[in-house]
Amino acid sequence: MLRGCYDENVQTEAARIKVENMHADFLMQCPGYDDCWPSDEAVPRMEKILKDAGYPYRVQATVYEKGSHLLCGDLMATPEYLKTMRKILQAEYVDQDACNKAREDSMKEALEFLEGW
């Protein structure tokens, strides 16, 4: 499994990126299960940290249940690239249509988020 190195490490406060110290709007997107790293665990955790800290900037977090690691990747998603990724990422192999839809939706969400700047 690609994300094994993350799953095997112990989380510590010293290693945590202090997202609450940022001074910016923050858009987070992740698939329901990320083959590459535990974004599906990290995004909700970061969202809670920011909420609990009273983070004063805009925060938007979306979990795309049927997406893959390749969210918001229209710029990279050439047919050749997707063919390769469908051999590596389980979600891309199992449900290409759902992953394509999640990519489209996440790109739309990102552009709408940026319009709010």
N, C-alpha and C. Protein backbone atom coordinates (compact mmCIF):
# COMPACT_ATOMS: atom_id res chain seq x y z
N MET A 1 0.84 -1.18 0.00
CA MET A 1 0.00 0.00 0.00
C MET A 1 0.89 1.24 0.00
N LEU A 2 0.55 2.22 -0.80
CA LEU A 2 1.37 3.42 -0.96
C LEU A 2 1.49 4.24 0.32
N ARG A 3 0.46 4.28 1.14
CA ARG A 3 0.49 5.16 2.31
C ARG A 3 1.00 4.46 3.56
N GLY A 4 1.56 3.30 3.43
CA GLY A 4 2.05 2.52 4.56
C GLY A 4 3.03 3.26 5.45
N CYS A 5 3.93 4.05 4.86
CA CYS A 5 4.91 4.77 5.68
C CYS A 5 4.23 5.77 6.59
N TYR A 6 3.09 6.31 6.19
CA TYR A 6 2.35 7.24 7.05
C TYR A 6 1.60 6.48 8.13
N ASP A 7 0.96 5.40 7.76
CA ASP A 7 0.16 4.63 8.71
C ASP A 7 1.02 4.02 9.82
N GLU A 8 2.28 3.75 9.53
CA GLU A 8 3.16 3.11 10.50
C GLU A 8 3.81 4.09 11.47
N ASN A 9 3.80 5.38 11.18
CA ASN A 9 4.44 6.37 12.04
C ASN A 9 3.51 6.82 13.15
N VAL A 10 4.08 7.11 14.29
CA VAL A 10 3.32 7.61 15.43
C VAL A 10 3.19 9.12 15.31
N GLN A 11 1.97 9.62 15.51
CA GLN A 11 1.76 11.07 15.47
C GLN A 11 2.22 11.68 16.78
N THR A 12 2.98 12.77 16.67
CA THR A 12 3.41 13.48 17.86
C THR A 12 3.11 14.96 17.70
N GLU A 13 2.92 15.64 18.80
CA GLU A 13 2.66 17.08 18.77
C GLU A 13 3.87 17.83 18.19
N ALA A 14 5.06 17.37 18.48
CA ALA A 14 6.27 18.04 17.99
C ALA A 14 6.37 17.98 16.46
N ALA A 15 5.82 16.93 15.86
CA ALA A 15 5.91 16.77 14.41
C ALA A 15 4.74 17.43 13.68
N ARG A 16 3.73 17.84 14.40
CA ARG A 16 2.52 18.39 13.79
C ARG A 16 2.77 19.77 13.19
N ILE A 17 2.28 19.98 11.99
CA ILE A 17 2.32 21.32 11.39
C ILE A 17 1.24 22.15 12.06
N LYS A 18 1.61 23.28 12.58
CA LYS A 18 0.69 24.13 13.35
C LYS A 18 -0.17 24.96 12.39
N VAL A 19 -1.19 24.34 11.83
CA VAL A 19 -2.04 25.01 10.84
C VAL A 19 -2.75 26.22 11.43
N GLU A 20 -2.97 26.22 12.72
CA GLU A 20 -3.66 27.34 13.37
C GLU A 20 -2.81 28.61 13.40
N ASN A 21 -1.53 28.50 13.06
CA ASN A 21 -0.64 29.66 13.02
C ASN A 21 -0.60 30.34 11.64
N MET A 22 -1.33 29.77 10.69
CA MET A 22 -1.38 30.38 9.36
C MET A 22 -2.16 31.70 9.44
N HIS A 23 -1.99 32.51 8.44
CA HIS A 23 -2.74 33.76 8.32
C HIS A 23 -3.27 33.84 6.90
N ALA A 24 -4.21 32.94 6.58
CA ALA A 24 -4.73 32.88 5.22
C ALA A 24 -6.01 32.07 5.18
N ASP A 25 -6.79 32.29 4.14
CA ASP A 25 -7.92 31.42 3.87
C ASP A 25 -7.35 30.04 3.53
N PHE A 26 -8.14 28.99 3.79
CA PHE A 26 -7.61 27.63 3.67
C PHE A 26 -8.66 26.72 3.06
N LEU A 27 -8.38 26.20 1.88
CA LEU A 27 -9.23 25.22 1.23
C LEU A 27 -8.54 23.87 1.32
N MET A 28 -9.26 22.89 1.86
CA MET A 28 -8.74 21.53 1.95
C MET A 28 -9.69 20.60 1.22
N GLN A 29 -9.14 19.72 0.41
CA GLN A 29 -9.93 18.73 -0.31
C GLN A 29 -9.23 17.39 -0.18
N CYS A 30 -10.04 16.34 -0.04
CA CYS A 30 -9.45 15.01 0.02
C CYS A 30 -10.48 13.98 -0.44
N PRO A 31 -9.99 12.82 -0.87
CA PRO A 31 -10.91 11.73 -1.20
C PRO A 31 -11.35 11.01 0.08
N GLY A 32 -12.40 10.22 -0.03
CA GLY A 32 -12.86 9.44 1.12
C GLY A 32 -11.81 8.48 1.63
N TYR A 33 -10.97 7.96 0.75
CA TYR A 33 -9.80 7.17 1.14
C TYR A 33 -8.70 7.55 0.17
N ASP A 34 -7.59 8.00 0.70
CA ASP A 34 -6.47 8.44 -0.11
C ASP A 34 -5.42 7.33 -0.11
N ASP A 35 -5.12 6.79 -1.30
CA ASP A 35 -4.14 5.72 -1.42
C ASP A 35 -2.72 6.16 -1.10
N CYS A 36 -2.44 7.46 -1.21
CA CYS A 36 -1.07 7.94 -1.11
C CYS A 36 -0.68 8.45 0.27
N TRP A 37 -1.57 9.16 0.94
CA TRP A 37 -1.28 9.62 2.30
C TRP A 37 -2.61 9.81 3.01
N PRO A 38 -2.64 9.87 4.32
CA PRO A 38 -3.91 9.89 5.05
C PRO A 38 -4.61 11.24 5.07
N SER A 39 -4.81 11.84 3.90
CA SER A 39 -5.51 13.12 3.83
C SER A 39 -6.94 12.97 4.32
N ASP A 40 -7.52 11.78 4.14
CA ASP A 40 -8.88 11.52 4.59
C ASP A 40 -8.99 11.57 6.12
N GLU A 41 -7.89 11.42 6.81
CA GLU A 41 -7.84 11.58 8.26
C GLU A 41 -7.34 12.98 8.64
N ALA A 42 -6.39 13.49 7.87
CA ALA A 42 -5.76 14.77 8.20
C ALA A 42 -6.68 15.96 7.97
N VAL A 43 -7.44 15.96 6.90
CA VAL A 43 -8.29 17.11 6.60
C VAL A 43 -9.32 17.35 7.70
N PRO A 44 -10.10 16.34 8.10
CA PRO A 44 -11.04 16.58 9.20
C PRO A 44 -10.33 16.98 10.51
N ARG A 45 -9.16 16.42 10.76
CA ARG A 45 -8.41 16.77 11.97
C ARG A 45 -7.96 18.24 11.92
N MET A 46 -7.45 18.69 10.77
CA MET A 46 -7.03 20.08 10.64
C MET A 46 -8.22 21.03 10.73
N GLU A 47 -9.33 20.64 10.13
CA GLU A 47 -10.53 21.47 10.20
C GLU A 47 -10.98 21.66 11.65
N LYS A 48 -10.93 20.59 12.44
CA LYS A 48 -11.31 20.67 13.86
C LYS A 48 -10.33 21.55 14.64
N ILE A 49 -9.05 21.40 14.38
CA ILE A 49 -8.05 22.23 15.06
C ILE A 49 -8.31 23.70 14.79
N LEU A 50 -8.57 24.03 13.54
CA LEU A 50 -8.83 25.43 13.18
C LEU A 50 -10.11 25.95 13.83
N LYS A 51 -11.14 25.13 13.83
CA LYS A 51 -12.41 25.54 14.45
C LYS A 51 -12.23 25.74 15.95
N ASP A 52 -11.57 24.79 16.62
CA ASP A 52 -11.35 24.88 18.06
C ASP A 52 -10.48 26.08 18.43
N ALA A 53 -9.59 26.48 17.52
CA ALA A 53 -8.69 27.61 17.78
C ALA A 53 -9.35 28.95 17.46
N GLY A 54 -10.57 28.92 16.95
CA GLY A 54 -11.23 30.17 16.56
C GLY A 54 -10.54 30.84 15.39
N TYR A 55 -10.03 30.05 14.48
CA TYR A 55 -9.29 30.55 13.33
C TYR A 55 -10.11 31.62 12.60
N PRO A 56 -9.55 32.83 12.43
CA PRO A 56 -10.34 33.95 11.92
C PRO A 56 -10.48 34.04 10.40
N TYR A 57 -9.83 33.14 9.68
CA TYR A 57 -9.88 33.20 8.22
C TYR A 57 -10.87 32.16 7.69
N ARG A 58 -11.15 32.26 6.41
CA ARG A 58 -12.08 31.34 5.77
C ARG A 58 -11.47 29.95 5.69
N VAL A 59 -12.24 28.95 6.12
CA VAL A 59 -11.81 27.56 6.06
C VAL A 59 -12.91 26.76 5.37
N GLN A 60 -12.51 26.01 4.37
CA GLN A 60 -13.46 25.15 3.67
C GLN A 60 -12.80 23.79 3.50
N ALA A 61 -13.48 22.75 3.96
CA ALA A 61 -12.96 21.39 3.85
C ALA A 61 -14.02 20.50 3.21
N THR A 62 -13.61 19.76 2.20
CA THR A 62 -14.53 18.87 1.50
C THR A 62 -13.90 17.50 1.35
N VAL A 63 -14.67 16.48 1.69
CA VAL A 63 -14.26 15.10 1.47
C VAL A 63 -15.06 14.59 0.28
N TYR A 64 -14.38 14.20 -0.76
CA TYR A 64 -15.00 13.62 -1.94
C TYR A 64 -14.97 12.10 -1.79
N GLU A 65 -16.07 11.55 -1.32
CA GLU A 65 -16.11 10.13 -0.97
C GLU A 65 -15.68 9.21 -2.11
N LYS A 66 -16.02 9.56 -3.33
CA LYS A 66 -15.70 8.69 -4.47
C LYS A 66 -14.53 9.20 -5.29
N GLY A 67 -13.72 10.07 -4.72
CA GLY A 67 -12.57 10.60 -5.44
C GLY A 67 -11.32 9.77 -5.22
N SER A 68 -10.25 10.21 -5.83
CA SER A 68 -8.95 9.58 -5.63
C SER A 68 -7.95 10.66 -5.20
N HIS A 69 -6.70 10.28 -5.07
CA HIS A 69 -5.64 11.22 -4.71
C HIS A 69 -5.54 12.35 -5.75
N LEU A 70 -6.06 12.15 -6.93
CA LEU A 70 -5.94 13.11 -8.03
C LEU A 70 -7.07 14.13 -8.07
N LEU A 71 -7.44 14.68 -6.95
CA LEU A 71 -8.45 15.73 -6.93
C LEU A 71 -7.89 16.99 -7.56
N CYS A 72 -8.78 17.80 -8.11
CA CYS A 72 -8.43 19.10 -8.65
C CYS A 72 -7.24 18.99 -9.61
N GLY A 73 -7.18 17.89 -10.34
CA GLY A 73 -6.02 17.64 -11.18
C GLY A 73 -6.27 17.74 -12.66
N ASP A 74 -7.19 18.58 -13.08
CA ASP A 74 -7.50 18.71 -14.51
C ASP A 74 -6.27 19.05 -15.34
N LEU A 75 -5.35 19.82 -14.78
CA LEU A 75 -4.18 20.23 -15.56
C LEU A 75 -3.24 19.07 -15.85
N MET A 76 -3.22 18.09 -14.95
CA MET A 76 -2.35 16.93 -15.13
C MET A 76 -3.06 15.75 -15.77
N ALA A 77 -4.38 15.77 -15.81
CA ALA A 77 -5.15 14.59 -16.15
C ALA A 77 -5.23 14.32 -17.65
N THR A 78 -4.08 14.17 -18.28
CA THR A 78 -4.07 13.76 -19.68
C THR A 78 -4.48 12.29 -19.74
N PRO A 79 -4.98 11.83 -20.87
CA PRO A 79 -5.36 10.41 -20.97
C PRO A 79 -4.22 9.46 -20.61
N GLU A 80 -3.01 9.79 -21.00
CA GLU A 80 -1.86 8.92 -20.71
C GLU A 80 -1.58 8.88 -19.20
N TYR A 81 -1.64 10.04 -18.57
CA TYR A 81 -1.41 10.13 -17.13
C TYR A 81 -2.46 9.34 -16.37
N LEU A 82 -3.73 9.52 -16.74
CA LEU A 82 -4.81 8.80 -16.06
C LEU A 82 -4.69 7.30 -16.27
N LYS A 83 -4.26 6.89 -17.44
CA LYS A 83 -4.08 5.45 -17.70
C LYS A 83 -3.06 4.86 -16.72
N THR A 84 -1.98 5.59 -16.50
CA THR A 84 -0.96 5.14 -15.55
C THR A 84 -1.50 5.14 -14.13
N MET A 85 -2.17 6.22 -13.74
CA MET A 85 -2.68 6.34 -12.38
C MET A 85 -3.75 5.29 -12.08
N ARG A 86 -4.48 4.87 -13.09
CA ARG A 86 -5.52 3.85 -12.87
C ARG A 86 -4.90 2.48 -12.58
N LYS A 87 -3.63 2.32 -12.86
CA LYS A 87 -2.93 1.10 -12.49
C LYS A 87 -2.40 1.17 -11.05
N ILE A 88 -2.26 2.39 -10.52
CA ILE A 88 -1.66 2.61 -9.21
C ILE A 88 -2.69 2.88 -8.13
N LEU A 89 -3.67 3.72 -8.42
CA LEU A 89 -4.64 4.16 -7.43
C LEU A 89 -5.92 3.34 -7.53
N GLN A 90 -6.27 2.65 -6.44
CA GLN A 90 -7.40 1.74 -6.44
C GLN A 90 -8.71 2.44 -6.83
N ALA A 91 -8.97 3.63 -6.29
CA ALA A 91 -10.22 4.32 -6.60
C ALA A 91 -10.32 4.61 -8.09
N GLU A 92 -9.21 4.97 -8.73
CA GLU A 92 -9.21 5.25 -10.17
C GLU A 92 -9.50 3.97 -10.96
N TYR A 93 -9.00 2.85 -10.48
CA TYR A 93 -9.20 1.56 -11.14
C TYR A 93 -10.65 1.10 -10.98
N VAL A 94 -11.20 1.27 -9.78
CA VAL A 94 -12.53 0.75 -9.46
C VAL A 94 -13.65 1.56 -10.09
N ASP A 95 -13.55 2.89 -10.04
CA ASP A 95 -14.66 3.72 -10.52
C ASP A 95 -14.14 4.99 -11.19
N GLN A 96 -13.76 4.85 -12.44
CA GLN A 96 -13.20 5.97 -13.20
C GLN A 96 -14.18 7.12 -13.33
N ASP A 97 -15.46 6.82 -13.55
CA ASP A 97 -16.45 7.87 -13.71
C ASP A 97 -16.59 8.71 -12.44
N ALA A 98 -16.64 8.05 -11.28
CA ALA A 98 -16.76 8.77 -10.01
C ALA A 98 -15.53 9.63 -9.76
N CYS A 99 -14.36 9.12 -10.08
CA CYS A 99 -13.13 9.89 -9.90
C CYS A 99 -13.09 11.09 -10.83
N ASN A 100 -13.53 10.91 -12.07
CA ASN A 100 -13.60 12.03 -13.01
C ASN A 100 -14.55 13.10 -12.49
N LYS A 101 -15.70 12.69 -11.97
CA LYS A 101 -16.68 13.63 -11.43
C LYS A 101 -16.11 14.36 -10.22
N ALA A 102 -15.44 13.65 -9.32
CA ALA A 102 -14.82 14.28 -8.15
C ALA A 102 -13.77 15.29 -8.57
N ARG A 103 -12.98 14.95 -9.60
CA ARG A 103 -11.96 15.88 -10.12
C ARG A 103 -12.63 17.15 -10.65
N GLU A 104 -13.67 16.97 -11.41
CA GLU A 104 -14.40 18.11 -11.97
C GLU A 104 -14.99 18.97 -10.85
N ASP A 105 -15.63 18.32 -9.88
CA ASP A 105 -16.25 19.06 -8.77
C ASP A 105 -15.21 19.77 -7.91
N SER A 106 -14.08 19.12 -7.68
CA SER A 106 -13.06 19.74 -6.84
C SER A 106 -12.40 20.92 -7.53
N MET A 107 -12.24 20.84 -8.84
CA MET A 107 -11.69 21.97 -9.60
C MET A 107 -12.66 23.14 -9.55
N LYS A 108 -13.94 22.86 -9.72
CA LYS A 108 -14.96 23.92 -9.65
C LYS A 108 -14.96 24.56 -8.26
N GLU A 109 -14.89 23.74 -7.23
CA GLU A 109 -14.86 24.26 -5.86
C GLU A 109 -13.62 25.14 -5.63
N ALA A 110 -12.48 24.70 -6.11
CA ALA A 110 -11.24 25.47 -5.94
C ALA A 110 -11.33 26.82 -6.64
N LEU A 111 -11.86 26.84 -7.85
CA LEU A 111 -11.98 28.11 -8.57
C LEU A 111 -12.97 29.04 -7.89
N GLU A 112 -14.08 28.49 -7.39
CA GLU A 112 -15.05 29.32 -6.65
C GLU A 112 -14.43 29.86 -5.36
N PHE A 113 -13.64 29.06 -4.69
CA PHE A 113 -12.97 29.48 -3.46
C PHE A 113 -12.02 30.64 -3.76
N LEU A 114 -11.27 30.52 -4.85
CA LEU A 114 -10.32 31.57 -5.23
C LEU A 114 -11.03 32.85 -5.64
N GLU A 115 -12.22 32.74 -6.20
CA GLU A 115 -12.99 33.94 -6.56
C GLU A 115 -13.33 34.76 -5.32
N GLY A 116 -13.38 34.14 -4.16
CA GLY A 116 -13.70 34.82 -2.92
C GLY A 116 -12.55 35.62 -2.34
N TRP A 117 -11.40 35.56 -2.96
CA TRP A 117 -10.23 36.31 -2.47
C TRP A 117 -10.36 37.76 -2.73
